[in-house]
């Protein structure tokens, strides 16, 4: 399974950014897709997940500022991030799972896309 993320970049504090992820390379359903991020010197953390049934889960540090959406039947997912702050600077990784499971990351990881928030 290949996960292709796009939409990262450099923004100023308070601005918004939209990330997208598309999966390919499998005919088997991906029932959970999500985003994780890793900042320099920090552990990888959950940003948001969504299941094929529409259930979502957000990381505590982004709740209220990000919205995850997607069409998992087409293996696509988006992450709308608003009111970005310097602490949001990280590499954002697309993640996917064949199971509808919000308790942990799935087996598949994308290459990551850099998000930098700086004035």
N, C-alpha and C. Protein backbone atom coordinates (compact mmCIF):
# COMPACT_ATOMS: atom_id res chain seq x y z
N UNK A 1 0.84 -1.18 0.00
CA UNK A 1 0.00 0.00 0.00
C UNK A 1 0.88 1.24 0.00
N UNK A 2 0.60 2.14 -0.90
CA UNK A 2 1.33 3.41 -0.94
C UNK A 2 0.39 4.54 -0.53
N UNK A 3 0.89 5.39 0.35
CA UNK A 3 0.13 6.55 0.82
C UNK A 3 0.86 7.81 0.37
N UNK A 4 0.19 8.62 -0.42
CA UNK A 4 0.79 9.83 -0.95
C UNK A 4 0.14 11.04 -0.30
N UNK A 5 0.94 11.76 0.48
CA UNK A 5 0.45 12.95 1.16
C UNK A 5 0.85 14.19 0.39
N UNK A 6 0.04 15.21 0.46
CA UNK A 6 0.33 16.47 -0.19
C UNK A 6 -0.30 17.62 0.59
N UNK A 7 0.18 18.84 0.31
CA UNK A 7 -0.44 20.01 0.91
C UNK A 7 0.37 20.68 1.99
N UNK A 8 1.51 20.11 2.37
CA UNK A 8 2.32 20.75 3.38
C UNK A 8 2.96 22.02 2.86
N UNK A 9 3.57 22.77 3.77
CA UNK A 9 4.24 23.98 3.35
C UNK A 9 4.54 24.88 4.51
N UNK A 10 4.88 26.12 4.18
CA UNK A 10 5.23 27.14 5.17
C UNK A 10 4.07 28.12 5.29
N UNK A 11 3.58 28.31 6.50
CA UNK A 11 2.52 29.28 6.75
C UNK A 11 2.86 30.12 7.95
N UNK A 12 2.18 31.23 8.09
CA UNK A 12 2.39 32.09 9.24
C UNK A 12 1.43 31.71 10.37
N UNK A 13 1.76 32.03 11.62
CA UNK A 13 0.86 31.74 12.73
C UNK A 13 -0.53 32.31 12.49
N UNK A 14 -1.54 31.51 12.80
CA UNK A 14 -2.92 31.92 12.61
C UNK A 14 -3.51 31.52 11.27
N UNK A 15 -2.67 31.11 10.33
CA UNK A 15 -3.15 30.73 9.01
C UNK A 15 -3.63 29.28 8.99
N UNK A 16 -4.18 28.89 7.84
CA UNK A 16 -4.74 27.55 7.67
C UNK A 16 -3.97 26.78 6.61
N UNK A 17 -4.16 25.47 6.65
CA UNK A 17 -3.52 24.59 5.69
C UNK A 17 -4.40 23.35 5.54
N UNK A 18 -4.41 22.80 4.34
CA UNK A 18 -5.20 21.59 4.08
C UNK A 18 -4.27 20.52 3.53
N UNK A 19 -4.23 19.41 4.20
CA UNK A 19 -3.44 18.27 3.75
C UNK A 19 -4.35 17.23 3.11
N UNK A 20 -3.81 16.53 2.14
CA UNK A 20 -4.55 15.46 1.48
C UNK A 20 -3.70 14.20 1.45
N UNK A 21 -4.38 13.07 1.43
CA UNK A 21 -3.69 11.77 1.35
C UNK A 21 -4.51 10.86 0.46
N UNK A 22 -3.81 10.17 -0.43
CA UNK A 22 -4.46 9.21 -1.31
C UNK A 22 -3.70 7.90 -1.23
N UNK A 23 -4.44 6.81 -1.10
CA UNK A 23 -3.83 5.49 -1.00
C UNK A 23 -3.99 4.74 -2.31
N UNK A 24 -3.01 3.91 -2.59
CA UNK A 24 -3.07 3.07 -3.78
C UNK A 24 -2.33 1.77 -3.51
N UNK A 25 -2.48 0.83 -4.43
CA UNK A 25 -1.71 -0.39 -4.32
C UNK A 25 -2.39 -1.53 -3.61
N UNK A 26 -3.68 -1.36 -3.31
CA UNK A 26 -4.43 -2.44 -2.69
C UNK A 26 -5.88 -2.38 -3.13
N UNK A 27 -6.48 -3.54 -3.29
CA UNK A 27 -7.91 -3.62 -3.58
C UNK A 27 -8.71 -3.84 -2.30
N UNK A 28 -8.00 -4.11 -1.22
CA UNK A 28 -8.65 -4.35 0.07
C UNK A 28 -9.03 -3.02 0.69
N UNK A 29 -10.21 -2.97 1.29
CA UNK A 29 -10.67 -1.73 1.91
C UNK A 29 -9.72 -1.23 2.98
N UNK A 30 -9.57 0.07 3.02
CA UNK A 30 -8.88 0.73 4.12
C UNK A 30 -9.97 1.34 5.00
N UNK A 31 -10.19 0.77 6.15
CA UNK A 31 -11.33 1.16 6.97
C UNK A 31 -10.99 2.24 8.01
N UNK A 32 -9.74 2.55 8.16
CA UNK A 32 -9.32 3.69 8.98
C UNK A 32 -8.18 4.40 8.27
N UNK A 33 -8.25 5.70 8.22
CA UNK A 33 -7.14 6.52 7.75
C UNK A 33 -6.92 7.63 8.76
N UNK A 34 -5.69 8.10 8.81
CA UNK A 34 -5.42 9.12 9.82
C UNK A 34 -4.14 9.87 9.55
N UNK A 35 -3.90 10.86 10.39
CA UNK A 35 -2.70 11.68 10.34
C UNK A 35 -1.99 11.63 11.69
N UNK A 36 -0.70 11.46 11.64
CA UNK A 36 0.16 11.58 12.80
C UNK A 36 1.22 12.61 12.46
N UNK A 37 1.85 13.15 13.48
CA UNK A 37 2.92 14.12 13.23
C UNK A 37 4.08 13.88 14.18
N UNK A 38 5.25 14.32 13.74
CA UNK A 38 6.44 14.20 14.58
C UNK A 38 7.27 15.46 14.42
N UNK A 39 7.46 16.13 15.53
CA UNK A 39 8.31 17.32 15.57
C UNK A 39 9.72 16.90 15.98
N UNK A 40 10.73 17.70 15.63
CA UNK A 40 12.11 17.35 15.99
C UNK A 40 12.25 17.12 17.50
N UNK A 41 12.84 15.99 17.86
CA UNK A 41 13.08 15.69 19.26
C UNK A 41 11.88 15.22 20.04
N UNK A 42 10.75 15.03 19.36
CA UNK A 42 9.53 14.60 20.03
C UNK A 42 9.02 13.29 19.45
N UNK A 43 8.19 12.63 20.23
CA UNK A 43 7.59 11.38 19.77
C UNK A 43 6.49 11.65 18.75
N UNK A 44 6.23 10.67 17.92
CA UNK A 44 5.14 10.79 16.97
C UNK A 44 3.81 10.81 17.73
N UNK A 45 2.90 11.68 17.33
CA UNK A 45 1.63 11.79 18.04
C UNK A 45 0.46 11.83 17.07
N UNK A 46 -0.68 11.43 17.57
CA UNK A 46 -1.91 11.44 16.79
C UNK A 46 -2.35 12.87 16.51
N UNK A 47 -2.74 13.11 15.26
CA UNK A 47 -3.42 14.34 14.91
C UNK A 47 -4.92 14.06 14.78
N UNK A 48 -5.27 13.12 13.90
CA UNK A 48 -6.67 12.78 13.72
C UNK A 48 -6.81 11.47 12.96
N UNK A 49 -7.90 10.78 13.22
CA UNK A 49 -8.23 9.55 12.50
C UNK A 49 -9.69 9.58 12.09
N UNK A 50 -10.01 8.82 11.05
CA UNK A 50 -11.40 8.67 10.62
C UNK A 50 -11.62 7.25 10.13
N UNK A 51 -12.77 6.67 10.46
CA UNK A 51 -13.09 5.33 9.97
C UNK A 51 -14.07 5.41 8.80
N UNK A 52 -14.24 4.30 8.15
CA UNK A 52 -15.15 4.24 7.01
C UNK A 52 -16.59 4.51 7.45
N UNK A 53 -16.86 4.35 8.74
CA UNK A 53 -18.20 4.62 9.27
C UNK A 53 -18.37 6.07 9.70
N UNK A 54 -17.31 6.86 9.53
CA UNK A 54 -17.39 8.28 9.87
C UNK A 54 -17.01 8.64 11.29
N UNK A 55 -16.62 7.65 12.07
CA UNK A 55 -16.17 7.94 13.43
C UNK A 55 -14.81 8.63 13.36
N UNK A 56 -14.60 9.61 14.24
CA UNK A 56 -13.34 10.35 14.24
C UNK A 56 -12.73 10.39 15.63
N UNK A 57 -11.43 10.66 15.64
CA UNK A 57 -10.69 10.82 16.89
C UNK A 57 -9.63 11.87 16.64
N UNK A 58 -9.46 12.79 17.61
CA UNK A 58 -8.49 13.87 17.48
C UNK A 58 -7.51 13.86 18.63
N UNK A 59 -6.29 14.27 18.32
CA UNK A 59 -5.30 14.45 19.36
C UNK A 59 -5.65 15.65 20.22
N UNK A 60 -5.29 15.60 21.49
CA UNK A 60 -5.65 16.67 22.42
C UNK A 60 -5.07 18.02 22.00
N UNK A 61 -3.90 18.01 21.40
CA UNK A 61 -3.24 19.28 21.07
C UNK A 61 -3.86 19.99 19.87
N UNK A 62 -4.73 19.31 19.14
CA UNK A 62 -5.30 19.93 17.93
C UNK A 62 -6.82 20.03 17.98
N UNK A 63 -7.43 19.49 19.03
CA UNK A 63 -8.90 19.50 19.10
C UNK A 63 -9.44 20.91 18.97
N UNK A 64 -10.46 21.04 18.13
CA UNK A 64 -11.09 22.34 17.91
C UNK A 64 -10.44 23.15 16.81
N UNK A 65 -9.28 22.71 16.34
CA UNK A 65 -8.58 23.47 15.30
C UNK A 65 -8.44 22.70 14.00
N UNK A 66 -8.67 21.41 14.03
CA UNK A 66 -8.52 20.60 12.82
C UNK A 66 -9.79 19.77 12.59
N UNK A 67 -10.01 19.48 11.32
CA UNK A 67 -11.14 18.64 10.93
C UNK A 67 -10.65 17.63 9.91
N UNK A 68 -10.93 16.36 10.19
CA UNK A 68 -10.56 15.30 9.25
C UNK A 68 -11.80 14.89 8.47
N UNK A 69 -11.61 14.61 7.22
CA UNK A 69 -12.70 14.15 6.37
C UNK A 69 -12.12 13.19 5.33
N UNK A 70 -12.99 12.51 4.63
CA UNK A 70 -12.48 11.61 3.61
C UNK A 70 -13.54 10.74 3.00
N UNK A 71 -13.17 10.13 1.91
CA UNK A 71 -14.00 9.12 1.25
C UNK A 71 -13.16 7.84 1.23
N UNK A 72 -13.30 7.05 2.29
CA UNK A 72 -12.43 5.89 2.42
C UNK A 72 -12.76 4.81 1.39
N UNK A 73 -13.95 4.88 0.81
CA UNK A 73 -14.25 3.93 -0.27
C UNK A 73 -13.39 4.22 -1.49
N UNK A 74 -12.93 5.46 -1.59
CA UNK A 74 -12.01 5.86 -2.66
C UNK A 74 -10.58 6.00 -2.15
N UNK A 75 -10.39 5.71 -0.86
CA UNK A 75 -9.06 5.71 -0.25
C UNK A 75 -8.44 7.12 -0.29
N UNK A 76 -9.24 8.11 -0.01
CA UNK A 76 -8.74 9.48 0.07
C UNK A 76 -9.16 10.12 1.38
N UNK A 77 -8.35 11.06 1.83
CA UNK A 77 -8.58 11.69 3.13
C UNK A 77 -8.01 13.09 3.10
N UNK A 78 -8.63 13.99 3.87
CA UNK A 78 -8.15 15.36 3.95
C UNK A 78 -8.10 15.78 5.42
N UNK A 79 -7.22 16.75 5.69
CA UNK A 79 -7.10 17.32 7.03
C UNK A 79 -7.07 18.85 6.89
N UNK A 80 -8.10 19.49 7.41
CA UNK A 80 -8.15 20.95 7.41
C UNK A 80 -7.63 21.44 8.75
N UNK A 81 -6.58 22.24 8.71
CA UNK A 81 -5.97 22.75 9.94
C UNK A 81 -6.10 24.27 9.97
N UNK A 82 -6.68 24.77 11.03
CA UNK A 82 -6.88 26.22 11.19
C UNK A 82 -6.12 26.73 12.40
N UNK A 83 -5.94 28.04 12.42
CA UNK A 83 -5.28 28.70 13.56
C UNK A 83 -3.96 28.00 13.91
N UNK A 84 -3.16 27.77 12.89
CA UNK A 84 -1.90 27.07 13.10
C UNK A 84 -0.94 27.90 13.93
N UNK A 85 -0.17 27.20 14.76
CA UNK A 85 0.80 27.84 15.65
C UNK A 85 2.17 27.20 15.44
N UNK A 86 3.23 27.87 15.88
CA UNK A 86 4.57 27.30 15.71
C UNK A 86 4.71 25.88 16.27
N UNK A 87 3.96 25.56 17.33
CA UNK A 87 4.03 24.21 17.90
C UNK A 87 3.46 23.15 16.96
N UNK A 88 2.77 23.57 15.93
CA UNK A 88 2.25 22.63 14.95
C UNK A 88 3.28 22.24 13.90
N UNK A 89 4.44 22.87 13.95
CA UNK A 89 5.51 22.54 13.02
C UNK A 89 5.97 21.10 13.23
N UNK A 90 5.91 20.32 12.17
CA UNK A 90 6.25 18.89 12.26
C UNK A 90 6.18 18.29 10.87
N UNK A 91 6.62 17.06 10.78
CA UNK A 91 6.35 16.25 9.59
C UNK A 91 5.04 15.52 9.86
N UNK A 92 4.12 15.63 8.93
CA UNK A 92 2.81 15.02 9.06
C UNK A 92 2.77 13.77 8.19
N UNK A 93 2.39 12.67 8.82
CA UNK A 93 2.38 11.37 8.15
C UNK A 93 0.95 10.87 7.97
N UNK A 94 0.67 10.42 6.78
CA UNK A 94 -0.59 9.75 6.50
C UNK A 94 -0.48 8.29 6.97
N UNK A 95 -1.55 7.78 7.51
CA UNK A 95 -1.56 6.42 8.06
C UNK A 95 -2.84 5.71 7.66
N UNK A 96 -2.78 4.39 7.50
CA UNK A 96 -3.98 3.66 7.11
C UNK A 96 -3.99 2.26 7.69
N UNK A 97 -5.21 1.73 7.82
CA UNK A 97 -5.43 0.44 8.45
C UNK A 97 -6.57 -0.27 7.72
N UNK A 98 -6.45 -1.55 7.54
CA UNK A 98 -7.55 -2.28 6.93
C UNK A 98 -8.73 -2.41 7.90
N UNK A 99 -8.46 -2.28 9.18
CA UNK A 99 -9.50 -2.43 10.18
C UNK A 99 -10.06 -1.07 10.60
N UNK A 100 -11.31 -1.07 11.04
CA UNK A 100 -11.93 0.14 11.60
C UNK A 100 -11.54 0.21 13.06
N UNK A 101 -10.42 0.86 13.33
CA UNK A 101 -9.82 0.83 14.65
C UNK A 101 -9.19 2.18 14.96
N UNK A 102 -9.75 2.89 15.93
CA UNK A 102 -9.24 4.20 16.31
C UNK A 102 -8.26 4.13 17.49
N UNK A 103 -7.97 2.93 17.96
CA UNK A 103 -7.17 2.80 19.18
C UNK A 103 -5.67 2.88 18.95
N UNK A 104 -5.26 2.73 17.69
CA UNK A 104 -3.82 2.70 17.42
C UNK A 104 -3.60 3.00 15.95
N UNK A 105 -2.39 3.39 15.59
CA UNK A 105 -2.11 3.59 14.16
C UNK A 105 -2.17 2.29 13.40
N UNK A 106 -2.46 2.41 12.11
CA UNK A 106 -2.48 1.25 11.25
C UNK A 106 -1.09 0.87 10.78
N UNK A 107 -1.05 -0.16 9.98
CA UNK A 107 0.22 -0.73 9.54
C UNK A 107 0.92 0.11 8.47
N UNK A 108 0.16 0.88 7.73
CA UNK A 108 0.71 1.57 6.55
C UNK A 108 0.99 3.04 6.84
N UNK A 109 2.19 3.47 6.39
CA UNK A 109 2.62 4.85 6.59
C UNK A 109 3.04 5.47 5.28
N UNK A 110 2.73 6.76 5.12
CA UNK A 110 3.23 7.51 3.99
C UNK A 110 4.59 8.10 4.30
N UNK A 111 5.16 8.80 3.32
CA UNK A 111 6.50 9.39 3.47
C UNK A 111 6.49 10.61 4.37
N UNK A 112 5.39 11.28 4.46
CA UNK A 112 5.32 12.48 5.29
C UNK A 112 5.40 13.75 4.48
N UNK A 113 4.78 14.79 5.01
CA UNK A 113 4.84 16.11 4.39
C UNK A 113 5.14 17.13 5.47
N UNK A 114 6.06 18.04 5.17
CA UNK A 114 6.51 19.01 6.17
C UNK A 114 5.53 20.16 6.28
N UNK A 115 5.17 20.47 7.52
CA UNK A 115 4.38 21.66 7.82
C UNK A 115 5.22 22.54 8.74
N UNK A 116 5.44 23.76 8.32
CA UNK A 116 6.21 24.72 9.10
C UNK A 116 5.37 25.96 9.35
N UNK A 117 5.25 26.32 10.63
CA UNK A 117 4.49 27.50 11.00
C UNK A 117 5.46 28.50 11.61
N UNK A 118 5.67 29.58 10.90
CA UNK A 118 6.68 30.54 11.33
C UNK A 118 6.37 31.90 10.74
N UNK A 119 6.69 32.92 11.52
CA UNK A 119 6.53 34.28 11.01
C UNK A 119 7.83 34.78 10.40
